Amino acid sequence: MTEVLNEAIHDYERKHFWEELNEQIERTQREDPRAWADYLAERELVMGPRSRSRRIAPEWEGLITFPEENDEGHPR
């Protein structure tokens, strides 16, 4: 029983973490687009250009939202 509760708590904490991260990213994009652009430019310098593939690790499915998916005109 304890193991089931611990797993449920862990799942809830992980989901909460990703929801909060998504909210922070959205807030930065909305409230400080210049800082977001600076972040993207720096990220590309460090990590190289983004992959064109939309594949992500299965355990991340549904937990993160890609920035371009937040565009109102972009089909989901």
PDB file of N, CA and C in Angstrom:
ATOM      1  N   MET A   1       0.823  -1.193   0.000  1.00  0.00           N
ATOM      2  CA  MET A   1       0.000   0.000   0.000  1.00  0.00           C
ATOM      3  C   MET A   1       0.869   1.260   0.000  1.00  0.00           C
ATOM      4  N   THR A   2       1.917   1.246   0.815  1.00  0.00           N
ATOM      5  CA  THR A   2       2.802   2.405   0.886  1.00  0.00           C
ATOM      6  C   THR A   2       3.471   2.659  -0.462  1.00  0.00           C
ATOM      7  N   GLU A   3       3.843   1.586  -1.130  1.00  0.00           N
ATOM      8  CA  GLU A   3       4.497   1.729  -2.433  1.00  0.00           C
ATOM      9  C   GLU A   3       3.550   2.363  -3.454  1.00  0.00           C
ATOM     10  N   VAL A   4       2.299   1.982  -3.433  1.00  0.00           N
ATOM     11  CA  VAL A   4       1.302   2.548  -4.342  1.00  0.00           C
ATOM     12  C   VAL A   4       1.136   4.041  -4.069  1.00  0.00           C
ATOM     13  N   LEU A   5       1.054   4.414  -2.800  1.00  0.00           N
ATOM     14  CA  LEU A   5       0.928   5.831  -2.446  1.00  0.00           C
ATOM     15  C   LEU A   5       2.165   6.620  -2.854  1.00  0.00           C
ATOM     16  N   ASN A   6       3.342   6.057  -2.601  1.00  0.00           N
ATOM     17  CA  ASN A   6       4.582   6.738  -2.988  1.00  0.00           C
ATOM     18  C   ASN A   6       4.650   6.947  -4.498  1.00  0.00           C
ATOM     19  N   GLU A   7       4.227   5.954  -5.252  1.00  0.00           N
ATOM     20  CA  GLU A   7       4.231   6.080  -6.711  1.00  0.00           C
ATOM     21  C   GLU A   7       3.225   7.143  -7.158  1.00  0.00           C
ATOM     22  N   ALA A   8       2.059   7.164  -6.550  1.00  0.00           N
ATOM     23  CA  ALA A   8       1.048   8.170  -6.891  1.00  0.00           C
ATOM     24  C   ALA A   8       1.551   9.578  -6.568  1.00  0.00           C
ATOM     25  N   ILE A   9       2.201   9.737  -5.436  1.00  0.00           N
ATOM     26  CA  ILE A   9       2.765  11.035  -5.050  1.00  0.00           C
ATOM     27  C   ILE A   9       3.843  11.447  -6.040  1.00  0.00           C
ATOM     28  N   HIS A  10       4.704  10.516  -6.402  1.00  0.00           N
ATOM     29  CA  HIS A  10       5.775  10.801  -7.360  1.00  0.00           C
ATOM     30  C   HIS A  10       5.186  11.225  -8.707  1.00  0.00           C
ATOM     31  N   ASP A  11       4.173  10.510  -9.182  1.00  0.00           N
ATOM     32  CA  ASP A  11       3.528  10.859 -10.446  1.00  0.00           C
ATOM     33  C   ASP A  11       2.900  12.245 -10.378  1.00  0.00           C
ATOM     34  N   TYR A  12       2.234  12.546  -9.262  1.00  0.00           N
ATOM     35  CA  TYR A  12       1.623  13.863  -9.091  1.00  0.00           C
ATOM     36  C   TYR A  12       2.688  14.963  -9.086  1.00  0.00           C
ATOM     37  N   GLU A  13       3.782  14.755  -8.374  1.00  0.00           N
ATOM     38  CA  GLU A  13       4.854  15.763  -8.306  1.00  0.00           C
ATOM     39  C   GLU A  13       5.475  15.986  -9.674  1.00  0.00           C
ATOM     40  N   ARG A  14       5.673  14.918 -10.437  1.00  0.00           N
ATOM     41  CA  ARG A  14       6.259  15.046 -11.772  1.00  0.00           C
ATOM     42  C   ARG A  14       5.308  15.823 -12.681  1.00  0.00           C
ATOM     43  N   LYS A  15       4.020  15.483 -12.637  1.00  0.00           N
ATOM     44  CA  LYS A  15       3.038  16.188 -13.455  1.00  0.00           C
ATOM     45  C   LYS A  15       2.972  17.663 -13.065  1.00  0.00           C
ATOM     46  N   HIS A  16       2.968  17.942 -11.777  1.00  0.00           N
ATOM     47  CA  HIS A  16       2.936  19.324 -11.291  1.00  0.00           C
ATOM     48  C   HIS A  16       4.172  20.095 -11.758  1.00  0.00           C
ATOM     49  N   PHE A  17       5.343  19.465 -11.700  1.00  0.00           N
ATOM     50  CA  PHE A  17       6.580  20.100 -12.147  1.00  0.00           C
ATOM     51  C   PHE A  17       6.457  20.545 -13.599  1.00  0.00           C
ATOM     52  N   TRP A  18       5.998  19.639 -14.483  1.00  0.00           N
ATOM     53  CA  TRP A  18       5.902  19.965 -15.900  1.00  0.00           C
ATOM     54  C   TRP A  18       4.822  21.005 -16.171  1.00  0.00           C
ATOM     55  N   GLU A  19       3.728  20.965 -15.457  1.00  0.00           N
ATOM     56  CA  GLU A  19       2.685  21.980 -15.624  1.00  0.00           C
ATOM     57  C   GLU A  19       3.220  23.354 -15.239  1.00  0.00           C
ATOM     58  N   GLU A  20       3.937  23.419 -14.119  1.00  0.00           N
ATOM     59  CA  GLU A  20       4.508  24.686 -13.672  1.00  0.00           C
ATOM     60  C   GLU A  20       5.559  25.196 -14.658  1.00  0.00           C
ATOM     61  N   LEU A  21       6.380  24.299 -15.170  1.00  0.00           N
ATOM     62  CA  LEU A  21       7.388  24.688 -16.155  1.00  0.00           C
ATOM     63  C   LEU A  21       6.724  25.254 -17.404  1.00  0.00           C
ATOM     64  N   ASN A  22       5.685  24.579 -17.901  1.00  0.00           N
ATOM     65  CA  ASN A  22       4.966  25.076 -19.079  1.00  0.00           C
ATOM     66  C   ASN A  22       4.370  26.452 -18.822  1.00  0.00           C
ATOM     67  N   GLU A  23       3.804  26.655 -17.642  1.00  0.00           N
ATOM     68  CA  GLU A  23       3.233  27.964 -17.299  1.00  0.00           C
ATOM     69  C   GLU A  23       4.313  29.047 -17.283  1.00  0.00           C
ATOM     70  N   GLN A  24       5.480  28.725 -16.741  1.00  0.00           N
ATOM     71  CA  GLN A  24       6.572  29.694 -16.697  1.00  0.00           C
ATOM     72  C   GLN A  24       7.072  30.036 -18.099  1.00  0.00           C
ATOM     73  N   ILE A  25       7.165  29.023 -18.961  1.00  0.00           N
ATOM     74  CA  ILE A  25       7.594  29.266 -20.341  1.00  0.00           C
ATOM     75  C   ILE A  25       6.578  30.154 -21.050  1.00  0.00           C
ATOM     76  N   GLU A  26       5.307  29.826 -20.916  1.00  0.00           N
ATOM     77  CA  GLU A  26       4.258  30.634 -21.547  1.00  0.00           C
ATOM     78  C   GLU A  26       4.278  32.064 -21.037  1.00  0.00           C
ATOM     79  N   ARG A  27       4.478  32.241 -19.735  1.00  0.00           N
ATOM     80  CA  ARG A  27       4.527  33.591 -19.150  1.00  0.00           C
ATOM     81  C   ARG A  27       5.702  34.376 -19.722  1.00  0.00           C
ATOM     82  N   THR A  28       6.855  33.737 -19.838  1.00  0.00           N
ATOM     83  CA  THR A  28       8.026  34.417 -20.392  1.00  0.00           C
ATOM     84  C   THR A  28       7.782  34.799 -21.848  1.00  0.00           C
ATOM     85  N   GLN A  29       7.223  33.891 -22.629  1.00  0.00           N
ATOM     86  CA  GLN A  29       6.927  34.197 -24.029  1.00  0.00           C
ATOM     87  C   GLN A  29       5.967  35.378 -24.150  1.00  0.00           C
ATOM     88  N   ARG A  30       4.978  35.417 -23.295  1.00  0.00           N
ATOM     89  CA  ARG A  30       3.949  36.448 -23.349  1.00  0.00           C
ATOM     90  C   ARG A  30       4.451  37.786 -22.801  1.00  0.00           C
ATOM     91  N   GLU A  31       5.105  37.751 -21.647  1.00  0.00           N
ATOM     92  CA  GLU A  31       5.459  38.987 -20.941  1.00  0.00           C
ATOM     93  C   GLU A  31       6.821  39.539 -21.326  1.00  0.00           C
ATOM     94  N   ASP A  32       7.712  38.691 -21.830  1.00  0.00           N
ATOM     95  CA  ASP A  32       9.050  39.165 -22.168  1.00  0.00           C
ATOM     96  C   ASP A  32       9.559  38.463 -23.424  1.00  0.00           C
ATOM     97  N   PRO A  33       8.960  38.790 -24.580  1.00  0.00           N
ATOM     98  CA  PRO A  33       9.344  38.111 -25.813  1.00  0.00           C
ATOM     99  C   PRO A  33      10.820  38.300 -26.168  1.00  0.00           C
ATOM    100  N   ARG A  34      11.393  39.422 -25.764  1.00  0.00           N
ATOM    101  CA  ARG A  34      12.815  39.650 -26.050  1.00  0.00           C
ATOM    102  C   ARG A  34      13.685  38.657 -25.272  1.00  0.00           C
ATOM    103  N   ALA A  35      13.375  38.426 -24.013  1.00  0.00           N
ATOM    104  CA  ALA A  35      14.125  37.448 -23.220  1.00  0.00           C
ATOM    105  C   ALA A  35      13.945  36.047 -23.799  1.00  0.00           C
ATOM    106  N   TRP A  36      12.733  35.743 -24.285  1.00  0.00           N
ATOM    107  CA  TRP A  36      12.491  34.429 -24.893  1.00  0.00           C
ATOM    108  C   TRP A  36      13.335  34.267 -26.154  1.00  0.00           C
ATOM    109  N   ALA A  37      13.390  35.317 -26.977  1.00  0.00           N
ATOM    110  CA  ALA A  37      14.209  35.268 -28.198  1.00  0.00           C
ATOM    111  C   ALA A  37      15.689  35.111 -27.850  1.00  0.00           C
ATOM    112  N   ASP A  38      16.135  35.813 -26.811  1.00  0.00           N
ATOM    113  CA  ASP A  38      17.530  35.670 -26.357  1.00  0.00           C
ATOM    114  C   ASP A  38      17.805  34.246 -25.900  1.00  0.00           C
ATOM    115  N   TYR A  39      16.863  33.669 -25.175  1.00  0.00           N
ATOM    116  CA  TYR A  39      17.014  32.290 -24.711  1.00  0.00           C
ATOM    117  C   TYR A  39      17.143  31.329 -25.894  1.00  0.00           C
ATOM    118  N   LEU A  40      16.248  31.481 -26.884  1.00  0.00           N
ATOM    119  CA  LEU A  40      16.286  30.597 -28.047  1.00  0.00           C
ATOM    120  C   LEU A  40      17.597  30.735 -28.817  1.00  0.00           C
ATOM    121  N   ALA A  41      18.084  31.975 -28.954  1.00  0.00           N
ATOM    122  CA  ALA A  41      19.342  32.194 -29.659  1.00  0.00           C
ATOM    123  C   ALA A  41      20.506  31.553 -28.904  1.00  0.00           C
ATOM    124  N   GLU A  42      20.532  31.730 -27.588  1.00  0.00           N
ATOM    125  CA  GLU A  42      21.601  31.138 -26.785  1.00  0.00           C
ATOM    126  C   GLU A  42      21.522  29.610 -26.809  1.00  0.00           C
ATOM    127  N   ARG A  43      20.316  29.100 -26.741  1.00  0.00           N
ATOM    128  CA  ARG A  43      20.132  27.645 -26.784  1.00  0.00           C
ATOM    129  C   ARG A  43      20.668  27.069 -28.087  1.00  0.00           C
ATOM    130  N   GLU A  44      20.407  27.761 -29.194  1.00  0.00           N
ATOM    131  CA  GLU A  44      20.885  27.279 -30.486  1.00  0.00           C
ATOM    132  C   GLU A  44      22.405  27.328 -30.556  1.00  0.00           C
ATOM    133  N   LEU A  45      23.013  28.347 -29.956  1.00  0.00           N
ATOM    134  CA  LEU A  45      24.483  28.412 -29.923  1.00  0.00           C
ATOM    135  C   LEU A  45      25.070  27.233 -29.162  1.00  0.00           C
ATOM    136  N   VAL A  46      24.453  26.880 -28.058  1.00  0.00           N
ATOM    137  CA  VAL A  46      24.970  25.808 -27.206  1.00  0.00           C
ATOM    138  C   VAL A  46      24.636  24.432 -27.768  1.00  0.00           C
ATOM    139  N   MET A  47      23.387  24.249 -28.186  1.00  0.00           N
ATOM    140  CA  MET A  47      22.923  22.918 -28.559  1.00  0.00           C
ATOM    141  C   MET A  47      22.869  22.675 -30.061  1.00  0.00           C
ATOM    142  N   GLY A  48      23.077  23.712 -30.859  1.00  0.00           N
ATOM    143  CA  GLY A  48      22.949  23.565 -32.300  1.00  0.00           C
ATOM    144  C   GLY A  48      21.503  23.753 -32.718  1.00  0.00           C
ATOM    145  N   PRO A  49      21.267  23.731 -34.017  1.00  0.00           N
ATOM    146  CA  PRO A  49      19.901  23.935 -34.489  1.00  0.00           C
ATOM    147  C   PRO A  49      18.965  22.834 -34.001  1.00  0.00           C
ATOM    148  N   ARG A  50      17.718  23.192 -33.830  1.00  0.00           N
ATOM    149  CA  ARG A  50      16.710  22.226 -33.368  1.00  0.00           C
ATOM    150  C   ARG A  50      16.466  21.175 -34.426  1.00  0.00           C
ATOM    151  N   SER A  51      16.204  19.988 -33.968  1.00  0.00           N
ATOM    152  CA  SER A  51      15.860  18.891 -34.853  1.00  0.00           C
ATOM    153  C   SER A  51      14.493  19.146 -35.465  1.00  0.00           C
ATOM    154  N   ARG A  52      14.312  18.727 -36.695  1.00  0.00           N
ATOM    155  CA  ARG A  52      13.006  18.873 -37.342  1.00  0.00           C
ATOM    156  C   ARG A  52      12.036  17.797 -36.868  1.00  0.00           C
ATOM    157  N   SER A  53      12.551  16.811 -36.187  1.00  0.00           N
ATOM    158  CA  SER A  53      11.713  15.725 -35.700  1.00  0.00           C
ATOM    159  C   SER A  53      10.905  16.184 -34.493  1.00  0.00           C
ATOM    160  N   ARG A  54       9.662  15.750 -34.407  1.00  0.00           N
ATOM    161  CA  ARG A  54       8.807  16.092 -33.278  1.00  0.00           C
ATOM    162  C   ARG A  54       8.757  14.948 -32.276  1.00  0.00           C
ATOM    163  N   ARG A  55       9.639  13.965 -32.427  1.00  0.00           N
ATOM    164  CA  ARG A  55       9.624  12.820 -31.535  1.00  0.00           C
ATOM    165  C   ARG A  55      10.234  13.208 -30.195  1.00  0.00           C
ATOM    166  N   ILE A  56       9.575  12.809 -29.132  1.00  0.00           N
ATOM    167  CA  ILE A  56      10.087  13.036 -27.794  1.00  0.00           C
ATOM    168  C   ILE A  56      10.017  11.723 -27.032  1.00  0.00           C
ATOM    169  N   ALA A  57      10.675  11.679 -25.915  1.00  0.00           N
ATOM    170  CA  ALA A  57      10.667  10.470 -25.095  1.00  0.00           C
ATOM    171  C   ALA A  57       9.233  10.157 -24.673  1.00  0.00           C
ATOM    172  N   PRO A  58       8.848   8.885 -24.717  1.00  0.00           N
ATOM    173  CA  PRO A  58       7.464   8.519 -24.388  1.00  0.00           C
ATOM    174  C   PRO A  58       7.011   9.004 -23.014  1.00  0.00           C
ATOM    175  N   GLU A  59       7.910   9.021 -22.046  1.00  0.00           N
ATOM    176  CA  GLU A  59       7.510   9.444 -20.704  1.00  0.00           C
ATOM    177  C   GLU A  59       7.217  10.950 -20.633  1.00  0.00           C
ATOM    178  N   TRP A  60       7.587  11.700 -21.669  1.00  0.00           N
ATOM    179  CA  TRP A  60       7.299  13.130 -21.702  1.00  0.00           C
ATOM    180  C   TRP A  60       6.019  13.435 -22.468  1.00  0.00           C
ATOM    181  N   GLU A  61       5.471  12.456 -23.190  1.00  0.00           N
ATOM    182  CA  GLU A  61       4.250  12.670 -23.966  1.00  0.00           C
ATOM    183  C   GLU A  61       3.155  13.258 -23.083  1.00  0.00           C
ATOM    184  N   GLY A  62       2.563  14.339 -23.541  1.00  0.00           N
ATOM    185  CA  GLY A  62       1.459  14.952 -22.824  1.00  0.00           C
ATOM    186  C   GLY A  62       1.888  15.834 -21.655  1.00  0.00           C
ATOM    187  N   LEU A  63       3.180  15.828 -21.328  1.00  0.00           N
ATOM    188  CA  LEU A  63       3.643  16.635 -20.194  1.00  0.00           C
ATOM    189  C   LEU A  63       4.193  17.984 -20.627  1.00  0.00           C
ATOM    190  N   ILE A  64       4.653  18.062 -21.870  1.00  0.00           N
ATOM    191  CA  ILE A  64       5.204  19.327 -22.336  1.00  0.00           C
ATOM    192  C   ILE A  64       4.457  19.784 -23.577  1.00  0.00           C
ATOM    193  N   THR A  65       4.463  21.075 -23.792  1.00  0.00           N
ATOM    194  CA  THR A  65       3.854  21.668 -24.967  1.00  0.00           C
ATOM    195  C   THR A  65       4.941  22.437 -25.694  1.00  0.00           C
ATOM    196  N   PHE A  66       5.110  22.139 -26.966  1.00  0.00           N
ATOM    197  CA  PHE A  66       6.107  22.861 -27.735  1.00  0.00           C
ATOM    198  C   PHE A  66       5.626  24.269 -27.999  1.00  0.00           C
ATOM    199  N   PRO A  67       6.545  25.264 -27.991  1.00  0.00           N
ATOM    200  CA  PRO A  67       6.128  26.661 -28.164  1.00  0.00           C
ATOM    201  C   PRO A  67       5.267  26.890 -29.396  1.00  0.00           C
ATOM    202  N   GLU A  68       5.590  26.261 -30.513  1.00  0.00           N
ATOM    203  CA  GLU A  68       4.800  26.492 -31.721  1.00  0.00           C
ATOM    204  C   GLU A  68       3.395  25.909 -31.608  1.00  0.00           C
ATOM    205  N   GLU A  69       3.161  24.999 -30.661  1.00  0.00           N
ATOM    206  CA  GLU A  69       1.828  24.460 -30.452  1.00  0.00           C
ATOM    207  C   GLU A  69       0.943  25.439 -29.698  1.00  0.00           C
ATOM    208  N   ASN A  70       1.541  26.469 -29.112  1.00  0.00           N
ATOM    209  CA  ASN A  70       0.782  27.488 -28.397  1.00  0.00           C
ATOM    210  C   ASN A  70       0.242  28.561 -29.330  1.00  0.00           C
ATOM    211  N   ASP A  71       0.734  28.608 -30.594  1.00  0.00           N
ATOM    212  CA  ASP A  71       0.263  29.603 -31.550  1.00  0.00           C
ATOM    213  C   ASP A  71      -1.199  29.328 -31.864  1.00  0.00           C
ATOM    214  N   GLU A  72      -2.016  30.371 -31.863  1.00  0.00           N
ATOM    215  CA  GLU A  72      -3.443  30.197 -32.102  1.00  0.00           C
ATOM    216  C   GLU A  72      -3.727  29.726 -33.515  1.00  0.00           C
ATOM    217  N   GLY A  73      -2.934  30.162 -34.488  1.00  0.00           N
ATOM    218  CA  GLY A  73      -3.175  29.786 -35.871  1.00  0.00           C
ATOM    219  C   GLY A  73      -2.605  28.434 -36.240  1.00  0.00           C
ATOM    220  N   HIS A  74      -1.852  27.839 -35.345  1.00  0.00           N
ATOM    221  CA  HIS A  74      -1.206  26.564 -35.630  1.00  0.00           C
ATOM    222  C   HIS A  74      -2.155  25.411 -35.327  1.00  0.00           C
ATOM    223  N   PRO A  75      -2.414  24.545 -36.319  1.00  0.00           N
ATOM    224  CA  PRO A  75      -3.297  23.406 -36.045  1.00  0.00           C
ATOM    225  C   PRO A  75      -2.655  22.428 -35.090  1.00  0.00           C
ATOM    226  N   ARG A  76      -3.467  21.844 -34.249  1.00  0.00           N
ATOM    227  CA  ARG A  76      -2.942  20.885 -33.265  1.00  0.00           C
ATOM    228  C   ARG A  76      -3.235  19.490 -33.670  1.00  0.00           C
TER     229      ARG A  76
END
